[in-house]
Amino acid sequence: MSFLLHESPASRGIHATGVKRMGGHGHDEPYYLHAKHMYNLHRMKYQKPKVYLSVLGAVGIGIGVPVYAVIFQQKKTASA
């Protein structure tokens, strides 16, 4: 029973890593230097087609997935 008297060096509880050990937020200057210019949408090439296609894709997925799910569920229920 002597093993019960020794404290383990590791903590088994839930804990979060401190900000200082992670390097903080916004202090990774050499790695994220490009982030200042990441969202220059007015300088993007072919802006109108890209935005149009991305919005059309998002709307298509937003409508298509629920419609497919309803049709699939109705087929599954009808065959049972």
PDB file of N, CA and C in Angstrom:
ATOM      1  N   MET A   1       0.807  -1.190   0.000  1.00  0.00           N
ATOM      2  CA  MET A   1       0.000   0.000   0.000  1.00  0.00           C
ATOM      3  C   MET A   1       0.854   1.260   0.000  1.00  0.00           C
ATOM      4  N   SER A   2       2.146   1.117  -0.107  1.00  0.00           N
ATOM      5  CA  SER A   2       3.001   2.300  -0.091  1.00  0.00           C
ATOM      6  C   SER A   2       2.850   3.115  -1.372  1.00  0.00           C
ATOM      7  N   PHE A   3       2.347   2.484  -2.447  1.00  0.00           N
ATOM      8  CA  PHE A   3       2.176   3.227  -3.695  1.00  0.00           C
ATOM      9  C   PHE A   3       1.061   4.262  -3.582  1.00  0.00           C
ATOM     10  N   LEU A   4       0.149   4.095  -2.638  1.00  0.00           N
ATOM     11  CA  LEU A   4      -0.917   5.067  -2.456  1.00  0.00           C
ATOM     12  C   LEU A   4      -0.427   6.341  -1.767  1.00  0.00           C
ATOM     13  N   LEU A   5       0.689   6.265  -1.073  1.00  0.00           N
ATOM     14  CA  LEU A   5       1.203   7.423  -0.359  1.00  0.00           C
ATOM     15  C   LEU A   5       1.993   8.362  -1.266  1.00  0.00           C
ATOM     16  N   HIS A   6       2.466   7.853  -2.389  1.00  0.00           N
ATOM     17  CA  HIS A   6       3.255   8.680  -3.300  1.00  0.00           C
ATOM     18  C   HIS A   6       2.324   9.468  -4.216  1.00  0.00           C
ATOM     19  N   GLU A   7       2.633  10.725  -4.377  1.00  0.00           N
ATOM     20  CA  GLU A   7       1.848  11.539  -5.302  1.00  0.00           C
ATOM     21  C   GLU A   7       2.439  11.404  -6.695  1.00  0.00           C
ATOM     22  N   SER A   8       1.579  11.315  -7.662  1.00  0.00           N
ATOM     23  CA  SER A   8       2.076  11.208  -9.032  1.00  0.00           C
ATOM     24  C   SER A   8       2.489  12.592  -9.527  1.00  0.00           C
ATOM     25  N   PRO A   9       3.526  12.667 -10.332  1.00  0.00           N
ATOM     26  CA  PRO A   9       3.973  13.970 -10.832  1.00  0.00           C
ATOM     27  C   PRO A   9       3.039  14.559 -11.887  1.00  0.00           C
ATOM     28  N   ALA A  10       2.233  13.726 -12.530  1.00  0.00           N
ATOM     29  CA  ALA A  10       1.336  14.214 -13.582  1.00  0.00           C
ATOM     30  C   ALA A  10      -0.039  14.501 -12.996  1.00  0.00           C
ATOM     31  N   SER A  11      -0.673  15.500 -13.525  1.00  0.00           N
ATOM     32  CA  SER A  11      -2.025  15.839 -13.105  1.00  0.00           C
ATOM     33  C   SER A  11      -3.006  15.202 -14.077  1.00  0.00           C
ATOM     34  N   ARG A  12      -4.006  14.523 -13.555  1.00  0.00           N
ATOM     35  CA  ARG A  12      -4.970  13.850 -14.419  1.00  0.00           C
ATOM     36  C   ARG A  12      -6.228  14.679 -14.627  1.00  0.00           C
ATOM     37  N   GLY A  13      -6.316  15.822 -14.028  1.00  0.00           N
ATOM     38  CA  GLY A  13      -7.501  16.656 -14.159  1.00  0.00           C
ATOM     39  C   GLY A  13      -7.540  17.367 -15.503  1.00  0.00           C
ATOM     40  N   ILE A  14      -8.703  17.898 -15.817  1.00  0.00           N
ATOM     41  CA  ILE A  14      -8.855  18.670 -17.047  1.00  0.00           C
ATOM     42  C   ILE A  14      -8.240  20.039 -16.811  1.00  0.00           C
ATOM     43  N   HIS A  15      -7.381  20.433 -17.718  1.00  0.00           N
ATOM     44  CA  HIS A  15      -6.740  21.729 -17.583  1.00  0.00           C
ATOM     45  C   HIS A  15      -6.522  22.333 -18.960  1.00  0.00           C
ATOM     46  N   ALA A  16      -6.391  23.629 -18.983  1.00  0.00           N
ATOM     47  CA  ALA A  16      -6.137  24.343 -20.236  1.00  0.00           C
ATOM     48  C   ALA A  16      -4.699  24.838 -20.235  1.00  0.00           C
ATOM     49  N   THR A  17      -4.114  24.870 -21.410  1.00  0.00           N
ATOM     50  CA  THR A  17      -2.766  25.389 -21.529  1.00  0.00           C
ATOM     51  C   THR A  17      -2.825  26.906 -21.427  1.00  0.00           C
ATOM     52  N   GLY A  18      -1.935  27.474 -20.684  1.00  0.00           N
ATOM     53  CA  GLY A  18      -1.926  28.916 -20.508  1.00  0.00           C
ATOM     54  C   GLY A  18      -1.543  29.640 -21.783  1.00  0.00           C
ATOM     55  N   VAL A  19      -1.927  30.894 -21.853  1.00  0.00           N
ATOM     56  CA  VAL A  19      -1.645  31.693 -23.042  1.00  0.00           C
ATOM     57  C   VAL A  19      -0.150  31.900 -23.203  1.00  0.00           C
ATOM     58  N   LYS A  20       0.568  32.059 -22.093  1.00  0.00           N
ATOM     59  CA  LYS A  20       2.002  32.306 -22.175  1.00  0.00           C
ATOM     60  C   LYS A  20       2.734  31.116 -22.778  1.00  0.00           C
ATOM     61  N   ARG A  21       2.314  29.902 -22.462  1.00  0.00           N
ATOM     62  CA  ARG A  21       2.996  28.731 -23.007  1.00  0.00           C
ATOM     63  C   ARG A  21       2.683  28.529 -24.485  1.00  0.00           C
ATOM     64  N   MET A  22       1.509  28.975 -24.911  1.00  0.00           N
ATOM     65  CA  MET A  22       1.140  28.813 -26.310  1.00  0.00           C
ATOM     66  C   MET A  22       1.749  29.903 -27.185  1.00  0.00           C
ATOM     67  N   GLY A  23       2.318  30.905 -26.598  1.00  0.00           N
ATOM     68  CA  GLY A  23       2.875  31.984 -27.385  1.00  0.00           C
ATOM     69  C   GLY A  23       1.928  33.158 -27.511  1.00  0.00           C
ATOM     70  N   GLY A  24       0.748  33.048 -26.991  1.00  0.00           N
ATOM     71  CA  GLY A  24      -0.206  34.141 -27.057  1.00  0.00           C
ATOM     72  C   GLY A  24      -0.880  34.224 -28.404  1.00  0.00           C
ATOM     73  N   HIS A  25      -1.829  35.105 -28.497  1.00  0.00           N
ATOM     74  CA  HIS A  25      -2.547  35.300 -29.749  1.00  0.00           C
ATOM     75  C   HIS A  25      -2.072  36.592 -30.380  1.00  0.00           C
ATOM     76  N   GLY A  26      -1.740  36.520 -31.639  1.00  0.00           N
ATOM     77  CA  GLY A  26      -1.294  37.701 -32.346  1.00  0.00           C
ATOM     78  C   GLY A  26       0.187  37.971 -32.221  1.00  0.00           C
ATOM     79  N   HIS A  27       0.936  37.060 -31.609  1.00  0.00           N
ATOM     80  CA  HIS A  27       2.370  37.272 -31.451  1.00  0.00           C
ATOM     81  C   HIS A  27       3.191  36.347 -32.336  1.00  0.00           C
ATOM     82  N   ASP A  28       2.564  35.667 -33.257  1.00  0.00           N
ATOM     83  CA  ASP A  28       3.297  34.792 -34.169  1.00  0.00           C
ATOM     84  C   ASP A  28       3.647  35.570 -35.431  1.00  0.00           C
ATOM     85  N   GLU A  29       4.361  36.644 -35.253  1.00  0.00           N
ATOM     86  CA  GLU A  29       4.619  37.597 -36.329  1.00  0.00           C
ATOM     87  C   GLU A  29       5.270  36.979 -37.569  1.00  0.00           C
ATOM     88  N   PRO A  30       6.327  36.190 -37.445  1.00  0.00           N
ATOM     89  CA  PRO A  30       6.946  35.701 -38.693  1.00  0.00           C
ATOM     90  C   PRO A  30       6.074  34.719 -39.462  1.00  0.00           C
ATOM     91  N   TYR A  31       5.167  34.026 -38.787  1.00  0.00           N
ATOM     92  CA  TYR A  31       4.374  33.006 -39.456  1.00  0.00           C
ATOM     93  C   TYR A  31       3.113  33.574 -40.084  1.00  0.00           C
ATOM     94  N   TYR A  32       2.542  34.619 -39.516  1.00  0.00           N
ATOM     95  CA  TYR A  32       1.274  35.151 -39.990  1.00  0.00           C
ATOM     96  C   TYR A  32       1.410  36.583 -40.485  1.00  0.00           C
ATOM     97  N   LEU A  33       2.520  36.883 -41.091  1.00  0.00           N
ATOM     98  CA  LEU A  33       2.748  38.224 -41.599  1.00  0.00           C
ATOM     99  C   LEU A  33       1.844  38.533 -42.785  1.00  0.00           C
ATOM    100  N   HIS A  34       1.431  37.500 -43.522  1.00  0.00           N
ATOM    101  CA  HIS A  34       0.587  37.689 -44.699  1.00  0.00           C
ATOM    102  C   HIS A  34      -0.859  38.019 -44.333  1.00  0.00           C
ATOM    103  N   ALA A  35      -1.242  37.868 -43.093  1.00  0.00           N
ATOM    104  CA  ALA A  35      -2.644  38.023 -42.715  1.00  0.00           C
ATOM    105  C   ALA A  35      -3.153  39.452 -42.889  1.00  0.00           C
ATOM    106  N   LYS A  36      -2.258  40.433 -42.925  1.00  0.00           N
ATOM    107  CA  LYS A  36      -2.701  41.814 -43.111  1.00  0.00           C
ATOM    108  C   LYS A  36      -3.349  41.996 -44.478  1.00  0.00           C
ATOM    109  N   HIS A  37      -2.878  41.260 -45.456  1.00  0.00           N
ATOM    110  CA  HIS A  37      -3.355  41.423 -46.826  1.00  0.00           C
ATOM    111  C   HIS A  37      -4.174  40.228 -47.300  1.00  0.00           C
ATOM    112  N   MET A  38      -4.650  39.421 -46.376  1.00  0.00           N
ATOM    113  CA  MET A  38      -5.338  38.197 -46.778  1.00  0.00           C
ATOM    114  C   MET A  38      -6.722  38.479 -47.351  1.00  0.00           C
ATOM    115  N   TYR A  39      -7.404  39.490 -46.868  1.00  0.00           N
ATOM    116  CA  TYR A  39      -8.786  39.721 -47.261  1.00  0.00           C
ATOM    117  C   TYR A  39      -8.953  40.981 -48.105  1.00  0.00           C
ATOM    118  N   ASN A  40      -8.022  41.245 -48.993  1.00  0.00           N
ATOM    119  CA  ASN A  40      -8.158  42.366 -49.915  1.00  0.00           C
ATOM    120  C   ASN A  40      -9.045  41.929 -51.071  1.00  0.00           C
ATOM    121  N   LEU A  41     -10.353  41.931 -50.841  1.00  0.00           N
ATOM    122  CA  LEU A  41     -11.280  41.430 -51.849  1.00  0.00           C
ATOM    123  C   LEU A  41     -11.370  42.348 -53.055  1.00  0.00           C
ATOM    124  N   HIS A  42     -11.113  43.632 -52.873  1.00  0.00           N
ATOM    125  CA  HIS A  42     -11.198  44.550 -54.002  1.00  0.00           C
ATOM    126  C   HIS A  42     -10.052  44.348 -54.990  1.00  0.00           C
ATOM    127  N   ARG A  43      -8.984  43.673 -54.583  1.00  0.00           N
ATOM    128  CA  ARG A  43      -7.864  43.411 -55.483  1.00  0.00           C
ATOM    129  C   ARG A  43      -7.865  41.979 -56.012  1.00  0.00           C
ATOM    130  N   MET A  44      -8.887  41.203 -55.695  1.00  0.00           N
ATOM    131  CA  MET A  44      -8.940  39.810 -56.127  1.00  0.00           C
ATOM    132  C   MET A  44      -9.212  39.735 -57.627  1.00  0.00           C
ATOM    133  N   LYS A  45      -8.496  38.859 -58.318  1.00  0.00           N
ATOM    134  CA  LYS A  45      -8.725  38.669 -59.750  1.00  0.00           C
ATOM    135  C   LYS A  45     -10.000  37.864 -59.939  1.00  0.00           C
ATOM    136  N   TYR A  46     -10.756  38.210 -60.951  1.00  0.00           N
ATOM    137  CA  TYR A  46     -12.015  37.529 -61.286  1.00  0.00           C
ATOM    138  C   TYR A  46     -12.949  37.490 -60.078  1.00  0.00           C
ATOM    139  N   GLN A  47     -13.147  38.645 -59.461  1.00  0.00           N
ATOM    140  CA  GLN A  47     -13.925  38.713 -58.222  1.00  0.00           C
ATOM    141  C   GLN A  47     -15.384  38.341 -58.438  1.00  0.00           C
ATOM    142  N   LYS A  48     -16.022  38.891 -59.470  1.00  0.00           N
ATOM    143  CA  LYS A  48     -17.451  38.631 -59.671  1.00  0.00           C
ATOM    144  C   LYS A  48     -17.738  37.161 -59.942  1.00  0.00           C
ATOM    145  N   PRO A  49     -17.015  36.484 -60.845  1.00  0.00           N
ATOM    146  CA  PRO A  49     -17.318  35.057 -61.046  1.00  0.00           C
ATOM    147  C   PRO A  49     -17.037  34.202 -59.813  1.00  0.00           C
ATOM    148  N   LYS A  50     -15.965  34.513 -59.076  1.00  0.00           N
ATOM    149  CA  LYS A  50     -15.642  33.717 -57.888  1.00  0.00           C
ATOM    150  C   LYS A  50     -16.711  33.875 -56.810  1.00  0.00           C
ATOM    151  N   VAL A  51     -17.129  35.109 -56.568  1.00  0.00           N
ATOM    152  CA  VAL A  51     -18.154  35.350 -55.550  1.00  0.00           C
ATOM    153  C   VAL A  51     -19.480  34.743 -55.992  1.00  0.00           C
ATOM    154  N   TYR A  52     -19.820  34.911 -57.264  1.00  0.00           N
ATOM    155  CA  TYR A  52     -21.066  34.356 -57.790  1.00  0.00           C
ATOM    156  C   TYR A  52     -21.083  32.834 -57.647  1.00  0.00           C
ATOM    157  N   LEU A  53     -19.987  32.184 -58.048  1.00  0.00           N
ATOM    158  CA  LEU A  53     -19.950  30.721 -57.962  1.00  0.00           C
ATOM    159  C   LEU A  53     -19.936  30.231 -56.514  1.00  0.00           C
ATOM    160  N   SER A  54     -19.249  30.939 -55.630  1.00  0.00           N
ATOM    161  CA  SER A  54     -19.226  30.489 -54.237  1.00  0.00           C
ATOM    162  C   SER A  54     -20.587  30.672 -53.563  1.00  0.00           C
ATOM    163  N   VAL A  55     -21.276  31.781 -53.861  1.00  0.00           N
ATOM    164  CA  VAL A  55     -22.618  31.982 -53.298  1.00  0.00           C
ATOM    165  C   VAL A  55     -23.590  30.968 -53.885  1.00  0.00           C
ATOM    166  N   LEU A  56     -23.493  30.745 -55.195  1.00  0.00           N
ATOM    167  CA  LEU A  56     -24.355  29.759 -55.840  1.00  0.00           C
ATOM    168  C   LEU A  56     -24.107  28.358 -55.272  1.00  0.00           C
ATOM    169  N   GLY A  57     -22.846  28.015 -55.035  1.00  0.00           N
ATOM    170  CA  GLY A  57     -22.529  26.719 -54.442  1.00  0.00           C
ATOM    171  C   GLY A  57     -23.059  26.578 -53.033  1.00  0.00           C
ATOM    172  N   ALA A  58     -22.906  27.633 -52.228  1.00  0.00           N
ATOM    173  CA  ALA A  58     -23.393  27.582 -50.847  1.00  0.00           C
ATOM    174  C   ALA A  58     -24.912  27.470 -50.800  1.00  0.00           C
ATOM    175  N   VAL A  59     -25.597  28.231 -51.659  1.00  0.00           N
ATOM    176  CA  VAL A  59     -27.063  28.156 -51.702  1.00  0.00           C
ATOM    177  C   VAL A  59     -27.501  26.793 -52.220  1.00  0.00           C
ATOM    178  N   GLY A  60     -26.795  26.288 -53.228  1.00  0.00           N
ATOM    179  CA  GLY A  60     -27.128  24.970 -53.769  1.00  0.00           C
ATOM    180  C   GLY A  60     -26.984  23.866 -52.738  1.00  0.00           C
ATOM    181  N   ILE A  61     -25.908  23.923 -51.970  1.00  0.00           N
ATOM    182  CA  ILE A  61     -25.713  22.928 -50.908  1.00  0.00           C
ATOM    183  C   ILE A  61     -26.758  23.115 -49.811  1.00  0.00           C
ATOM    184  N   GLY A  62     -27.046  24.371 -49.469  1.00  0.00           N
ATOM    185  CA  GLY A  62     -28.023  24.653 -48.419  1.00  0.00           C
ATOM    186  C   GLY A  62     -29.426  24.211 -48.768  1.00  0.00           C
ATOM    187  N   ILE A  63     -29.747  24.175 -50.055  1.00  0.00           N
ATOM    188  CA  ILE A  63     -31.065  23.704 -50.490  1.00  0.00           C
ATOM    189  C   ILE A  63     -31.020  22.219 -50.820  1.00  0.00           C
ATOM    190  N   GLY A  64     -29.953  21.785 -51.473  1.00  0.00           N
ATOM    191  CA  GLY A  64     -29.868  20.407 -51.960  1.00  0.00           C
ATOM    192  C   GLY A  64     -29.778  19.357 -50.867  1.00  0.00           C
ATOM    193  N   VAL A  65     -29.012  19.622 -49.842  1.00  0.00           N
ATOM    194  CA  VAL A  65     -28.830  18.623 -48.780  1.00  0.00           C
ATOM    195  C   VAL A  65     -30.133  18.352 -48.024  1.00  0.00           C
ATOM    196  N   PRO A  66     -30.883  19.359 -47.591  1.00  0.00           N
ATOM    197  CA  PRO A  66     -32.157  19.047 -46.924  1.00  0.00           C
ATOM    198  C   PRO A  66     -33.172  18.365 -47.840  1.00  0.00           C
ATOM    199  N   VAL A  67     -33.222  18.774 -49.117  1.00  0.00           N
ATOM    200  CA  VAL A  67     -34.152  18.133 -50.056  1.00  0.00           C
ATOM    201  C   VAL A  67     -33.781  16.669 -50.229  1.00  0.00           C
ATOM    202  N   TYR A  68     -32.489  16.390 -50.390  1.00  0.00           N
ATOM    203  CA  TYR A  68     -32.041  15.003 -50.517  1.00  0.00           C
ATOM    204  C   TYR A  68     -32.355  14.214 -49.243  1.00  0.00           C
ATOM    205  N   ALA A  69     -32.162  14.839 -48.083  1.00  0.00           N
ATOM    206  CA  ALA A  69     -32.432  14.145 -46.823  1.00  0.00           C
ATOM    207  C   ALA A  69     -33.911  13.804 -46.677  1.00  0.00           C
ATOM    208  N   VAL A  70     -34.788  14.716 -47.080  1.00  0.00           N
ATOM    209  CA  VAL A  70     -36.228  14.459 -46.991  1.00  0.00           C
ATOM    210  C   VAL A  70     -36.627  13.346 -47.945  1.00  0.00           C
ATOM    211  N   ILE A  71     -36.131  13.396 -49.183  1.00  0.00           N
ATOM    212  CA  ILE A  71     -36.455  12.350 -50.162  1.00  0.00           C
ATOM    213  C   ILE A  71     -35.934  11.001 -49.694  1.00  0.00           C
ATOM    214  N   PHE A  72     -34.712  10.973 -49.172  1.00  0.00           N
ATOM    215  CA  PHE A  72     -34.130   9.723 -48.683  1.00  0.00           C
ATOM    216  C   PHE A  72     -34.945   9.165 -47.521  1.00  0.00           C
ATOM    217  N   GLN A  73     -35.339  10.033 -46.598  1.00  0.00           N
ATOM    218  CA  GLN A  73     -36.113   9.583 -45.439  1.00  0.00           C
ATOM    219  C   GLN A  73     -37.484   9.070 -45.856  1.00  0.00           C
ATOM    220  N   GLN A  74     -38.109   9.724 -46.823  1.00  0.00           N
ATOM    221  CA  GLN A  74     -39.422   9.276 -47.272  1.00  0.00           C
ATOM    222  C   GLN A  74     -39.332   7.942 -47.998  1.00  0.00           C
ATOM    223  N   LYS A  75     -38.277   7.743 -48.781  1.00  0.00           N
ATOM    224  CA  LYS A  75     -38.093   6.443 -49.440  1.00  0.00           C
ATOM    225  C   LYS A  75     -37.849   5.353 -48.412  1.00  0.00           C
ATOM    226  N   LYS A  76     -37.069   5.663 -47.396  1.00  0.00           N
ATOM    227  CA  LYS A  76     -36.758   4.682 -46.368  1.00  0.00           C
ATOM    228  C   LYS A  76     -38.013   4.314 -45.575  1.00  0.00           C
ATOM    229  N   THR A  77     -38.845   5.290 -45.287  1.00  0.00           N
ATOM    230  CA  THR A  77     -40.070   5.042 -44.528  1.00  0.00           C
ATOM    231  C   THR A  77     -41.095   4.292 -45.374  1.00  0.00           C
ATOM    232  N   ALA A  78     -41.163   4.587 -46.667  1.00  0.00           N
ATOM    233  CA  ALA A  78     -42.144   3.947 -47.544  1.00  0.00           C
ATOM    234  C   ALA A  78     -41.827   2.475 -47.765  1.00  0.00           C
ATOM    235  N   SER A  79     -40.538   2.116 -47.754  1.00  0.00           N
ATOM    236  CA  SER A  79     -40.177   0.722 -48.021  1.00  0.00           C
ATOM    237  C   SER A  79     -40.331  -0.155 -46.789  1.00  0.00           C
ATOM    238  N   ALA A  80     -40.462   0.420 -45.634  1.00  0.00           N
ATOM    239  CA  ALA A  80     -40.560  -0.376 -44.402  1.00  0.00           C
ATOM    240  C   ALA A  80     -41.955  -0.895 -44.168  1.00  0.00           C
TER     241      ALA A  80
END
